[in-house]
Amino acid sequence: RRADGLCARGDEGELPEDPGQLVLAVDAADPPRAKLRLERIDADPPFWERMLSGERRLGRTWARRFPPTEPVTLAYDATHRALIASLLASKEWRGLFASGAELPPGLGIGYDERVVEYPWLFSRGLRGRVLDAGSVLNHRHVVEAILEEVDELTITTLAPEPVAFISMAVSYLFADLRELPLRDDWFDEVVCLSTLEHVGMDTAVYGVDTGRAADPGEEAARALRELLRVTKPGGRIHLSVPFGRSEDLGWLRQLDRDEVGELFDRAGADRREETIFLFSSEGWRSATAAEAAEATYNSSPGRAPDLAVAARAVLCATIFA
């Protein structure tokens, strides 16, 4: 048991007390069959919480388990991972995302858009041979969960990352999404979370300077056309982008309704389903495009007064190849 309410579960022996070091221990654990989990230790809920309806109680329970932690710290990383792992393991939350039902207040207060992107993705029922275009899945707690549902996982990104899960039979490819060295019609599912907004932008912050393109919108569409090319007929692409007011932050673009439509039109992504999630001080909830139209991106390293960490709205879409 840790002083901050986090505990580690597994059979790896002695573990460090610092939550940030626990993050590293979770990713580095070997052999892969030995699973480590960062979890919140539940205190008894207050009486008023036990009187709420099932879904509202679920939201308040998660808000109590995972209170806001200062961003850009190892403690934030540890709590964020515990939050995501708990969401992916929760039948109740998975059911809400799968049904498209309204999310109860309390989900992910003070945490970034991954809180809704990952559960939304897993609610889509992934199967078969999967490509992660952008390496957003390359975290042990996410890789473990996805490998329970799919046959193969390939991760592609511009450059090697500090952690890789080769011993879990995850394949890695280092390439530009606009020119994938992959055969046509190969993957059953392609995942591209929070990645297309970076294509054609200044990538020096990620250690690979590809130079900014004259038309980043066309470059993002070019990448999406490549993803469509490598997806089997009848397969699917699952993507997300920060959504709301159009913004150019240099290293990423936030897309408005017109820009999202232009991206899909340029790529020829005609058949799709869309879901929008919006952040407030009450946490993440589903929203309409009109409700999220004025959402802005928090690009500062700290938490904004409304507790936003990064995007305040995100558009998630499944494209049918």
C-alpha atoms as a PDB file:
ATOM      1  CA  ARG A   1       0.000   0.000   0.000  1.00  0.00           C
ATOM      2  CA  ARG A   2       1.321   3.459  -0.953  1.00  0.00           C
ATOM      3  CA  ALA A   3       0.887   6.708   0.942  1.00  0.00           C
ATOM      4  CA  ASP A   4      -0.978   8.310  -1.978  1.00  0.00           C
ATOM      5  CA  GLY A   5      -3.638   5.579  -2.055  1.00  0.00           C
ATOM      6  CA  LEU A   6      -2.104   3.589  -4.923  1.00  0.00           C
ATOM      7  CA  CYS A   7      -1.165  -0.042  -4.582  1.00  0.00           C
ATOM      8  CA  ALA A   8       0.718  -2.369  -6.935  1.00  0.00           C
ATOM      9  CA  ARG A   9      -0.553  -5.876  -7.540  1.00  0.00           C
ATOM     10  CA  GLY A  10       1.569  -8.587  -9.127  1.00  0.00           C
ATOM     11  CA  ASP A  11       4.237 -11.136  -8.375  1.00  0.00           C
ATOM     12  CA  GLU A  12       7.376  -9.173  -9.194  1.00  0.00           C
ATOM     13  CA  GLY A  13       8.667  -9.083  -5.621  1.00  0.00           C
ATOM     14  CA  GLU A  14       9.849  -5.871  -3.966  1.00  0.00           C
ATOM     15  CA  LEU A  15       8.459  -2.731  -5.643  1.00  0.00           C
ATOM     16  CA  PRO A  16       9.491   0.901  -5.194  1.00  0.00           C
ATOM     17  CA  GLU A  17       7.398   3.223  -3.061  1.00  0.00           C
ATOM     18  CA  ASP A  18       7.505   6.181  -5.450  1.00  0.00           C
ATOM     19  CA  PRO A  19       4.488   6.092  -7.833  1.00  0.00           C
ATOM     20  CA  GLY A  20       6.598   7.288 -10.735  1.00  0.00           C
ATOM     21  CA  GLN A  21       9.002   4.420 -10.260  1.00  0.00           C
ATOM     22  CA  LEU A  22       6.000   2.125 -10.135  1.00  0.00           C
ATOM     23  CA  VAL A  23       5.132   3.373 -13.638  1.00  0.00           C
ATOM     24  CA  LEU A  24       8.549   2.244 -14.850  1.00  0.00           C
ATOM     25  CA  ALA A  25       8.223  -1.064 -13.004  1.00  0.00           C
ATOM     26  CA  VAL A  26       4.880  -1.755 -14.671  1.00  0.00           C
ATOM     27  CA  ASP A  27       6.328  -1.239 -18.161  1.00  0.00           C
ATOM     28  CA  ALA A  28       9.561  -3.095 -17.467  1.00  0.00           C
ATOM     29  CA  ALA A  29       8.038  -6.151 -15.757  1.00  0.00           C
ATOM     30  CA  ASP A  30       9.344  -9.395 -17.254  1.00  0.00           C
ATOM     31  CA  PRO A  31       8.396 -12.116 -18.045  1.00  0.00           C
ATOM     32  CA  PRO A  32       5.286 -10.762 -19.748  1.00  0.00           C
ATOM     33  CA  ARG A  33       3.008 -13.326 -18.120  1.00  0.00           C
ATOM     34  CA  ALA A  34       3.677 -11.666 -14.748  1.00  0.00           C
ATOM     35  CA  LYS A  35       1.144  -8.833 -14.692  1.00  0.00           C
ATOM     36  CA  LEU A  36       1.466  -5.728 -12.587  1.00  0.00           C
ATOM     37  CA  ARG A  37      -1.442  -3.396 -11.906  1.00  0.00           C
ATOM     38  CA  LEU A  38      -1.559   0.041 -10.322  1.00  0.00           C
ATOM     39  CA  GLU A  39      -4.869   0.340  -8.504  1.00  0.00           C
ATOM     40  CA  ARG A  40      -6.594   2.701  -6.120  1.00  0.00           C
ATOM     41  CA  ILE A  41      -7.335   1.390  -2.636  1.00  0.00           C
ATOM     42  CA  ASP A  42     -11.009   2.078  -2.000  1.00  0.00           C
ATOM     43  CA  ALA A  43     -12.092   3.628   1.247  1.00  0.00           C
ATOM     44  CA  ASP A  44     -15.689   3.066   2.345  1.00  0.00           C
ATOM     45  CA  PRO A  45     -17.901   5.370   0.238  1.00  0.00           C
ATOM     46  CA  PRO A  46     -19.755   8.151   2.051  1.00  0.00           C
ATOM     47  CA  PHE A  47     -23.390   7.472   2.928  1.00  0.00           C
ATOM     48  CA  TRP A  48     -24.779   9.939   0.372  1.00  0.00           C
ATOM     49  CA  GLU A  49     -22.861   8.218  -2.440  1.00  0.00           C
ATOM     50  CA  ARG A  50     -24.437   4.875  -1.602  1.00  0.00           C
ATOM     51  CA  MET A  51     -27.865   6.470  -2.041  1.00  0.00           C
ATOM     52  CA  LEU A  52     -27.248   7.476  -5.681  1.00  0.00           C
ATOM     53  CA  SER A  53     -28.575   5.556  -8.676  1.00  0.00           C
ATOM     54  CA  GLY A  54     -26.232   2.977 -10.224  1.00  0.00           C
ATOM     55  CA  GLU A  55     -24.711   5.101 -12.990  1.00  0.00           C
ATOM     56  CA  ARG A  56     -24.364   8.259 -10.875  1.00  0.00           C
ATOM     57  CA  ARG A  57     -22.788   6.197  -8.116  1.00  0.00           C
ATOM     58  CA  LEU A  58     -20.356   4.780 -10.690  1.00  0.00           C
ATOM     59  CA  GLY A  59     -19.262   8.287 -11.705  1.00  0.00           C
ATOM     60  CA  ARG A  60     -18.804   9.494  -8.141  1.00  0.00           C
ATOM     61  CA  THR A  61     -16.903   6.319  -7.205  1.00  0.00           C
ATOM     62  CA  TRP A  62     -14.359   6.879  -9.977  1.00  0.00           C
ATOM     63  CA  ALA A  63     -14.049  10.576  -9.063  1.00  0.00           C
ATOM     64  CA  ARG A  64     -13.274   9.593  -5.471  1.00  0.00           C
ATOM     65  CA  ARG A  65     -10.834   6.861  -6.479  1.00  0.00           C
ATOM     66  CA  PHE A  66      -8.869   9.044  -8.900  1.00  0.00           C
ATOM     67  CA  PRO A  67      -8.772  12.663  -7.711  1.00  0.00           C
ATOM     68  CA  PRO A  68      -6.840  15.204  -9.824  1.00  0.00           C
ATOM     69  CA  THR A  69      -3.062  14.943  -9.577  1.00  0.00           C
ATOM     70  CA  GLU A  70      -0.596  17.592 -10.757  1.00  0.00           C
ATOM     71  CA  PRO A  71       0.133  17.072 -14.487  1.00  0.00           C
ATOM     72  CA  VAL A  72       3.608  16.437 -15.880  1.00  0.00           C
ATOM     73  CA  THR A  73       4.637  14.521 -12.775  1.00  0.00           C
ATOM     74  CA  LEU A  74       5.370  10.848 -12.248  1.00  0.00           C
ATOM     75  CA  ALA A  75       2.525  10.716  -9.718  1.00  0.00           C
ATOM     76  CA  TYR A  76       0.125  11.906 -12.448  1.00  0.00           C
ATOM     77  CA  ASP A  77       1.419   9.191 -14.793  1.00  0.00           C
ATOM     78  CA  ALA A  78       0.938   6.512 -12.158  1.00  0.00           C
ATOM     79  CA  THR A  79      -2.591   7.592 -11.249  1.00  0.00           C
ATOM     80  CA  HIS A  80      -3.507   8.053 -14.917  1.00  0.00           C
ATOM     81  CA  ARG A  81      -2.445   4.474 -15.654  1.00  0.00           C
ATOM     82  CA  ALA A  82      -4.376   3.153 -12.683  1.00  0.00           C
ATOM     83  CA  LEU A  83      -7.451   5.054 -13.890  1.00  0.00           C
ATOM     84  CA  ILE A  84      -7.192   3.713 -17.453  1.00  0.00           C
ATOM     85  CA  ALA A  85      -6.547   0.134 -16.318  1.00  0.00           C
ATOM     86  CA  SER A  86      -9.581   0.293 -14.019  1.00  0.00           C
ATOM     87  CA  LEU A  87     -11.807   1.659 -16.793  1.00  0.00           C
ATOM     88  CA  LEU A  88     -10.756  -1.037 -19.239  1.00  0.00           C
ATOM     89  CA  ALA A  89     -11.415  -3.732 -16.631  1.00  0.00           C
ATOM     90  CA  SER A  90     -14.835  -2.339 -15.678  1.00  0.00           C
ATOM     91  CA  LYS A  91     -17.852  -4.021 -17.293  1.00  0.00           C
ATOM     92  CA  GLU A  92     -20.019  -1.084 -16.229  1.00  0.00           C
ATOM     93  CA  TRP A  93     -17.917   1.555 -17.973  1.00  0.00           C
ATOM     94  CA  ARG A  94     -17.406  -0.615 -21.041  1.00  0.00           C
ATOM     95  CA  GLY A  95     -21.150  -1.069 -21.278  1.00  0.00           C
ATOM     96  CA  LEU A  96     -21.780   2.673 -21.127  1.00  0.00           C
ATOM     97  CA  PHE A  97     -19.272   3.390 -23.890  1.00  0.00           C
ATOM     98  CA  ALA A  98     -20.530   0.521 -26.049  1.00  0.00           C
ATOM     99  CA  SER A  99     -24.154   1.648 -25.788  1.00  0.00           C
ATOM    100  CA  GLY A 100     -23.381   5.301 -26.440  1.00  0.00           C
ATOM    101  CA  ALA A 101     -25.245   6.195 -23.257  1.00  0.00           C
ATOM    102  CA  GLU A 102     -24.705   9.490 -21.447  1.00  0.00           C
ATOM    103  CA  LEU A 103     -21.662   9.251 -19.194  1.00  0.00           C
ATOM    104  CA  PRO A 104     -22.335  10.061 -15.538  1.00  0.00           C
ATOM    105  CA  PRO A 105     -20.548  13.048 -13.925  1.00  0.00           C
ATOM    106  CA  GLY A 106     -17.196  12.303 -12.326  1.00  0.00           C
ATOM    107  CA  LEU A 107     -15.238  10.524 -15.051  1.00  0.00           C
ATOM    108  CA  GLY A 108     -11.642  11.710 -15.415  1.00  0.00           C
ATOM    109  CA  ILE A 109     -11.863  15.041 -13.596  1.00  0.00           C
ATOM    110  CA  GLY A 110      -8.446  16.635 -14.121  1.00  0.00           C
ATOM    111  CA  TYR A 111      -7.235  14.016 -16.617  1.00  0.00           C
ATOM    112  CA  ASP A 112      -6.619  14.140 -20.348  1.00  0.00           C
ATOM    113  CA  GLU A 113      -8.637  12.770 -23.269  1.00  0.00           C
ATOM    114  CA  ARG A 114      -7.156   9.266 -23.022  1.00  0.00           C
ATOM    115  CA  VAL A 115      -9.752   8.728 -20.291  1.00  0.00           C
ATOM    116  CA  VAL A 116     -12.440   8.562 -22.984  1.00  0.00           C
ATOM    117  CA  GLU A 117     -10.379   7.566 -26.043  1.00  0.00           C
ATOM    118  CA  TYR A 118      -9.236   4.196 -24.672  1.00  0.00           C
ATOM    119  CA  PRO A 119     -12.621   2.997 -23.335  1.00  0.00           C
ATOM    120  CA  TRP A 120     -14.320   4.193 -26.528  1.00  0.00           C
ATOM    121  CA  LEU A 121     -11.794   2.239 -28.603  1.00  0.00           C
ATOM    122  CA  PHE A 122     -12.196  -0.946 -26.576  1.00  0.00           C
ATOM    123  CA  SER A 123     -15.983  -0.639 -26.789  1.00  0.00           C
ATOM    124  CA  ARG A 124     -15.710  -1.026 -30.577  1.00  0.00           C
ATOM    125  CA  GLY A 125     -14.934  -4.745 -30.293  1.00  0.00           C
ATOM    126  CA  LEU A 126     -11.463  -4.999 -31.815  1.00  0.00           C
ATOM    127  CA  ARG A 127     -10.512  -8.262 -33.532  1.00  0.00           C
ATOM    128  CA  GLY A 128      -8.006  -9.929 -35.815  1.00  0.00           C
ATOM    129  CA  ARG A 129      -4.858  -8.229 -37.065  1.00  0.00           C
ATOM    130  CA  VAL A 130      -4.500  -4.695 -35.657  1.00  0.00           C
ATOM    131  CA  LEU A 131      -2.265  -1.748 -36.573  1.00  0.00           C
ATOM    132  CA  ASP A 132      -1.642   1.037 -34.061  1.00  0.00           C
ATOM    133  CA  ALA A 133      -0.748   4.004 -36.266  1.00  0.00           C
ATOM    134  CA  GLY A 134       0.902   6.490 -33.936  1.00  0.00           C
ATOM    135  CA  SER A 135       1.904   4.293 -30.968  1.00  0.00           C
ATOM    136  CA  VAL A 136      -0.762   5.556 -28.567  1.00  0.00           C
ATOM    137  CA  LEU A 137      -1.350   1.976 -27.417  1.00  0.00           C
ATOM    138  CA  ASN A 138       2.312   1.394 -26.500  1.00  0.00           C
ATOM    139  CA  HIS A 139       1.821   1.214 -22.725  1.00  0.00           C
ATOM    140  CA  ARG A 140       1.930  -2.016 -20.797  1.00  0.00           C
ATOM    141  CA  HIS A 141      -1.526  -1.698 -19.209  1.00  0.00           C
ATOM    142  CA  VAL A 142      -3.077  -0.994 -22.630  1.00  0.00           C
ATOM    143  CA  VAL A 143      -1.062  -3.608 -24.536  1.00  0.00           C
ATOM    144  CA  GLU A 144      -1.989  -6.306 -22.026  1.00  0.00           C
ATOM    145  CA  ALA A 145      -5.661  -5.460 -22.382  1.00  0.00           C
ATOM    146  CA  ILE A 146      -5.721  -5.319 -26.171  1.00  0.00           C
ATOM    147  CA  LEU A 147      -3.771  -8.547 -26.635  1.00  0.00           C
ATOM    148  CA  GLU A 148      -6.554 -10.364 -24.806  1.00  0.00           C
ATOM    149  CA  GLU A 149      -8.925  -9.406 -27.632  1.00  0.00           C
ATOM    150  CA  VAL A 150      -6.952  -9.423 -30.902  1.00  0.00           C
ATOM    151  CA  ASP A 151      -4.776 -11.877 -32.811  1.00  0.00           C
ATOM    152  CA  GLU A 152      -1.825  -9.639 -33.705  1.00  0.00           C
ATOM    153  CA  LEU A 153      -0.686  -6.120 -32.864  1.00  0.00           C
ATOM    154  CA  THR A 154       1.692  -4.006 -34.949  1.00  0.00           C
ATOM    155  CA  ILE A 155       2.744  -0.562 -33.739  1.00  0.00           C
ATOM    156  CA  THR A 156       4.125   2.019 -36.149  1.00  0.00           C
ATOM    157  CA  THR A 157       5.611   5.389 -35.254  1.00  0.00           C
ATOM    158  CA  LEU A 158       8.322   7.729 -36.509  1.00  0.00           C
ATOM    159  CA  ALA A 159      11.103   6.667 -34.142  1.00  0.00           C
ATOM    160  CA  PRO A 160      11.841   4.033 -31.472  1.00  0.00           C
ATOM    161  CA  GLU A 161      10.438   4.656 -27.988  1.00  0.00           C
ATOM    162  CA  PRO A 162      12.048   3.812 -24.627  1.00  0.00           C
ATOM    163  CA  VAL A 163       9.691   0.893 -23.986  1.00  0.00           C
ATOM    164  CA  ALA A 164       8.761  -1.925 -26.394  1.00  0.00           C
ATOM    165  CA  PHE A 165       6.841  -5.143 -25.770  1.00  0.00           C
ATOM    166  CA  ILE A 166       8.596  -7.452 -28.198  1.00  0.00           C
ATOM    167  CA  SER A 167       8.469 -10.327 -25.702  1.00  0.00           C
ATOM    168  CA  MET A 168       4.673 -10.104 -25.939  1.00  0.00           C
ATOM    169  CA  ALA A 169       4.940 -10.656 -29.726  1.00  0.00           C
ATOM    170  CA  VAL A 170       4.099  -7.037 -30.520  1.00  0.00           C
ATOM    171  CA  SER A 171       5.654  -5.984 -33.855  1.00  0.00           C
ATOM    172  CA  TYR A 172       7.195  -2.532 -34.346  1.00  0.00           C
ATOM    173  CA  LEU A 173       7.653  -0.522 -37.533  1.00  0.00           C
ATOM    174  CA  PHE A 174       9.278   2.905 -37.768  1.00  0.00           C
ATOM    175  CA  ALA A 175       7.808   4.858 -40.659  1.00  0.00           C
ATOM    176  CA  ASP A 176       5.939   7.983 -41.703  1.00  0.00           C
ATOM    177  CA  LEU A 177       2.184   7.388 -41.816  1.00  0.00           C
ATOM    178  CA  ARG A 178       2.095   9.127 -45.189  1.00  0.00           C
ATOM    179  CA  GLU A 179       4.283   6.412 -46.751  1.00  0.00           C
ATOM    180  CA  LEU A 180       3.696   3.123 -45.004  1.00  0.00           C
ATOM    181  CA  PRO A 181       5.891   0.226 -46.218  1.00  0.00           C
ATOM    182  CA  LEU A 182       2.963  -2.168 -45.816  1.00  0.00           C
ATOM    183  CA  ARG A 183       0.909  -4.232 -48.254  1.00  0.00           C
ATOM    184  CA  ASP A 184      -2.631  -3.306 -49.275  1.00  0.00           C
ATOM    185  CA  ASP A 185      -5.653  -4.777 -47.459  1.00  0.00           C
ATOM    186  CA  TRP A 186      -3.636  -6.327 -44.609  1.00  0.00           C
ATOM    187  CA  PHE A 187      -5.203  -5.209 -41.304  1.00  0.00           C
ATOM    188  CA  ASP A 188      -8.635  -5.984 -39.912  1.00  0.00           C
ATOM    189  CA  GLU A 189      -8.517  -2.933 -37.650  1.00  0.00           C
ATOM    190  CA  VAL A 190      -6.412   0.229 -37.657  1.00  0.00           C
ATOM    191  CA  VAL A 191      -6.152   2.463 -34.578  1.00  0.00           C
ATOM    192  CA  CYS A 192      -5.019   6.080 -34.897  1.00  0.00           C
ATOM    193  CA  LEU A 193      -5.743   7.955 -31.669  1.00  0.00           C
ATOM    194  CA  SER A 194      -4.621  11.587 -31.264  1.00  0.00           C
ATOM    195  CA  THR A 195      -2.138  11.313 -34.125  1.00  0.00           C
ATOM    196  CA  LEU A 196      -3.452  12.831 -37.372  1.00  0.00           C
ATOM    197  CA  GLU A 197      -3.434  16.310 -35.812  1.00  0.00           C
ATOM    198  CA  HIS A 198       0.388  16.073 -35.704  1.00  0.00           C
ATOM    199  CA  VAL A 199       0.900  14.979 -39.314  1.00  0.00           C
ATOM    200  CA  GLY A 200       2.462  17.747 -41.399  1.00  0.00           C
ATOM    201  CA  MET A 201       3.209  19.799 -38.275  1.00  0.00           C
ATOM    202  CA  ASP A 202       6.474  20.514 -36.422  1.00  0.00           C
ATOM    203  CA  THR A 203       7.494  17.142 -34.937  1.00  0.00           C
ATOM    204  CA  ALA A 204      10.769  18.293 -33.361  1.00  0.00           C
ATOM    205  CA  VAL A 205       9.149  18.002 -29.922  1.00  0.00           C
ATOM    206  CA  TYR A 206       9.059  14.217 -30.527  1.00  0.00           C
ATOM    207  CA  GLY A 207      12.728  14.056 -31.459  1.00  0.00           C
ATOM    208  CA  VAL A 208      12.169  13.683 -35.218  1.00  0.00           C
ATOM    209  CA  ASP A 209      12.142  16.879 -37.251  1.00  0.00           C
ATOM    210  CA  THR A 210      10.249  16.168 -40.470  1.00  0.00           C
ATOM    211  CA  GLY A 211       9.613  19.850 -41.184  1.00  0.00           C
ATOM    212  CA  ARG A 212       6.248  21.573 -41.326  1.00  0.00           C
ATOM    213  CA  ALA A 213       4.249  21.048 -44.516  1.00  0.00           C
ATOM    214  CA  ALA A 214       2.716  23.852 -46.528  1.00  0.00           C
ATOM    215  CA  ASP A 215      -0.729  22.238 -46.168  1.00  0.00           C
ATOM    216  CA  PRO A 216      -0.940  20.113 -42.993  1.00  0.00           C
ATOM    217  CA  GLY A 217      -4.586  19.351 -43.725  1.00  0.00           C
ATOM    218  CA  GLU A 218      -3.670  17.635 -46.974  1.00  0.00           C
ATOM    219  CA  GLU A 219      -0.834  15.748 -45.263  1.00  0.00           C
ATOM    220  CA  ALA A 220      -3.240  14.434 -42.611  1.00  0.00           C
ATOM    221  CA  ALA A 221      -5.602  13.319 -45.379  1.00  0.00           C
ATOM    222  CA  ARG A 222      -2.687  11.669 -47.151  1.00  0.00           C
ATOM    223  CA  ALA A 223      -1.924   9.688 -43.981  1.00  0.00           C
ATOM    224  CA  LEU A 224      -5.574   8.693 -43.639  1.00  0.00           C
ATOM    225  CA  ARG A 225      -5.610   7.495 -47.268  1.00  0.00           C
ATOM    226  CA  GLU A 226      -2.631   5.270 -46.417  1.00  0.00           C
ATOM    227  CA  LEU A 227      -4.507   3.847 -43.447  1.00  0.00           C
ATOM    228  CA  LEU A 228      -7.459   3.088 -45.690  1.00  0.00           C
ATOM    229  CA  ARG A 229      -5.119   1.411 -48.168  1.00  0.00           C
ATOM    230  CA  VAL A 230      -3.736  -1.049 -45.623  1.00  0.00           C
ATOM    231  CA  THR A 231      -7.167  -1.864 -44.153  1.00  0.00           C
ATOM    232  CA  LYS A 232      -8.990  -4.922 -45.475  1.00  0.00           C
ATOM    233  CA  PRO A 233     -12.321  -4.465 -47.253  1.00  0.00           C
ATOM    234  CA  GLY A 234     -14.874  -4.753 -44.469  1.00  0.00           C
ATOM    235  CA  GLY A 235     -12.277  -3.655 -41.922  1.00  0.00           C
ATOM    236  CA  ARG A 236     -12.351  -0.523 -39.786  1.00  0.00           C
ATOM    237  CA  ILE A 237     -10.241   2.495 -38.819  1.00  0.00           C
ATOM    238  CA  HIS A 238     -10.725   3.972 -35.351  1.00  0.00           C
ATOM    239  CA  LEU A 239      -9.330   7.480 -34.953  1.00  0.00           C
ATOM    240  CA  SER A 240      -9.587  10.541 -32.763  1.00  0.00           C
ATOM    241  CA  VAL A 241      -8.581  14.192 -33.059  1.00  0.00           C
ATOM    242  CA  PRO A 242      -8.825  17.169 -30.693  1.00  0.00           C
ATOM    243  CA  PHE A 243     -12.036  18.980 -31.589  1.00  0.00           C
ATOM    244  CA  GLY A 244     -13.614  22.392 -31.094  1.00  0.00           C
ATOM    245  CA  ARG A 245     -12.380  25.806 -32.133  1.00  0.00           C
ATOM    246  CA  SER A 246      -9.815  25.661 -34.949  1.00  0.00           C
ATOM    247  CA  GLU A 247      -6.333  26.150 -33.465  1.00  0.00           C
ATOM    248  CA  ASP A 248      -2.778  25.896 -34.781  1.00  0.00           C
ATOM    249  CA  LEU A 249      -0.347  25.245 -31.930  1.00  0.00           C
ATOM    250  CA  GLY A 250       2.654  24.540 -34.123  1.00  0.00           C
ATOM    251  CA  TRP A 251       3.083  20.926 -33.030  1.00  0.00           C
ATOM    252  CA  LEU A 252      -0.592  20.046 -33.474  1.00  0.00           C
ATOM    253  CA  ARG A 253      -3.813  21.311 -34.994  1.00  0.00           C
ATOM    254  CA  GLN A 254      -7.172  21.280 -33.253  1.00  0.00           C
ATOM    255  CA  LEU A 255      -9.876  20.695 -35.848  1.00  0.00           C
ATOM    256  CA  ASP A 256     -13.275  22.323 -36.083  1.00  0.00           C
ATOM    257  CA  ARG A 257     -16.355  20.796 -37.716  1.00  0.00           C
ATOM    258  CA  ASP A 258     -15.447  22.026 -41.208  1.00  0.00           C
ATOM    259  CA  GLU A 259     -11.847  20.806 -40.941  1.00  0.00           C
ATOM    260  CA  VAL A 260     -12.954  17.363 -39.783  1.00  0.00           C
ATOM    261  CA  GLY A 261     -15.320  17.148 -42.736  1.00  0.00           C
ATOM    262  CA  GLU A 262     -12.573  18.265 -45.088  1.00  0.00           C
ATOM    263  CA  LEU A 263     -10.188  15.622 -43.697  1.00  0.00           C
ATOM    264  CA  PHE A 264     -12.663  12.828 -44.318  1.00  0.00           C
ATOM    265  CA  ASP A 265     -13.661  14.152 -47.746  1.00  0.00           C
ATOM    266  CA  ARG A 266     -10.054  14.454 -48.913  1.00  0.00           C
ATOM    267  CA  ALA A 267      -9.315  10.909 -47.761  1.00  0.00           C
ATOM    268  CA  GLY A 268     -12.496   9.437 -49.208  1.00  0.00           C
ATOM    269  CA  ALA A 269     -13.712   8.235 -45.803  1.00  0.00           C
ATOM    270  CA  ASP A 270     -17.407   8.281 -46.618  1.00  0.00           C
ATOM    271  CA  ARG A 271     -18.782   5.576 -44.315  1.00  0.00           C
ATOM    272  CA  ARG A 272     -18.221   6.403 -40.672  1.00  0.00           C
ATOM    273  CA  GLU A 273     -19.684   6.816 -37.197  1.00  0.00           C
ATOM    274  CA  GLU A 274     -18.711   9.727 -34.947  1.00  0.00           C
ATOM    275  CA  THR A 275     -18.814  10.363 -31.206  1.00  0.00           C
ATOM    276  CA  ILE A 276     -17.741  13.568 -29.464  1.00  0.00           C
ATOM    277  CA  PHE A 277     -16.627  13.835 -25.847  1.00  0.00           C
ATOM    278  CA  LEU A 278     -16.428  17.144 -23.969  1.00  0.00           C
ATOM    279  CA  PHE A 279     -14.529  17.989 -20.772  1.00  0.00           C
ATOM    280  CA  SER A 280     -15.716  20.192 -17.900  1.00  0.00           C
ATOM    281  CA  SER A 281     -14.940  20.490 -14.202  1.00  0.00           C
ATOM    282  CA  GLU A 282     -17.463  17.639 -13.763  1.00  0.00           C
ATOM    283  CA  GLY A 283     -15.383  15.325 -15.948  1.00  0.00           C
ATOM    284  CA  TRP A 284     -15.831  13.927 -19.451  1.00  0.00           C
ATOM    285  CA  ARG A 285     -19.235  13.421 -21.089  1.00  0.00           C
ATOM    286  CA  SER A 286     -20.635  12.780 -24.545  1.00  0.00           C
ATOM    287  CA  ALA A 287     -21.660  15.898 -26.472  1.00  0.00           C
ATOM    288  CA  THR A 288     -22.909  17.224 -29.774  1.00  0.00           C
ATOM    289  CA  ALA A 289     -20.706  19.056 -32.278  1.00  0.00           C
ATOM    290  CA  ALA A 290     -22.537  22.279 -31.435  1.00  0.00           C
ATOM    291  CA  GLU A 291     -21.888  21.856 -27.698  1.00  0.00           C
ATOM    292  CA  ALA A 292     -18.164  21.322 -28.327  1.00  0.00           C
ATOM    293  CA  ALA A 293     -17.757  23.936 -31.069  1.00  0.00           C
ATOM    294  CA  GLU A 294     -16.010  26.516 -28.866  1.00  0.00           C
ATOM    295  CA  ALA A 295     -13.795  24.097 -26.936  1.00  0.00           C
ATOM    296  CA  THR A 296     -10.154  25.183 -26.764  1.00  0.00           C
ATOM    297  CA  TYR A 297      -6.933  23.249 -26.190  1.00  0.00           C
ATOM    298  CA  ASN A 298      -4.917  23.699 -22.995  1.00  0.00           C
ATOM    299  CA  SER A 299      -1.354  23.797 -24.309  1.00  0.00           C
ATOM    300  CA  SER A 300       0.221  24.909 -21.023  1.00  0.00           C
ATOM    301  CA  PRO A 301       2.205  22.305 -19.065  1.00  0.00           C
ATOM    302  CA  GLY A 302      -0.053  22.664 -16.029  1.00  0.00           C
ATOM    303  CA  ARG A 303      -3.736  22.184 -15.335  1.00  0.00           C
ATOM    304  CA  ALA A 304      -6.096  24.982 -16.382  1.00  0.00           C
ATOM    305  CA  PRO A 305      -8.502  26.598 -13.869  1.00  0.00           C
ATOM    306  CA  ASP A 306     -11.306  24.351 -15.177  1.00  0.00           C
ATOM    307  CA  LEU A 307      -8.993  21.338 -14.510  1.00  0.00           C
ATOM    308  CA  ALA A 308      -8.389  20.659 -18.224  1.00  0.00           C
ATOM    309  CA  VAL A 309      -5.016  19.045 -18.957  1.00  0.00           C
ATOM    310  CA  ALA A 310      -4.927  18.985 -22.786  1.00  0.00           C
ATOM    311  CA  ALA A 311      -7.911  18.758 -25.171  1.00  0.00           C
ATOM    312  CA  ARG A 312     -11.275  19.926 -23.864  1.00  0.00           C
ATOM    313  CA  ALA A 313     -13.104  18.044 -26.594  1.00  0.00           C
ATOM    314  CA  VAL A 314     -12.225  15.075 -28.772  1.00  0.00           C
ATOM    315  CA  LEU A 315     -13.931  13.606 -31.827  1.00  0.00           C
ATOM    316  CA  CYS A 316     -13.748   9.823 -32.130  1.00  0.00           C
ATOM    317  CA  ALA A 317     -14.694   8.195 -35.420  1.00  0.00           C
ATOM    318  CA  THR A 318     -14.917   4.684 -36.807  1.00  0.00           C
ATOM    319  CA  ILE A 319     -14.435   4.538 -40.574  1.00  0.00           C
ATOM    320  CA  PHE A 320     -15.675   1.487 -42.483  1.00  0.00           C
ATOM    321  CA  ALA A 321     -13.348   0.418 -45.281  1.00  0.00           C
END
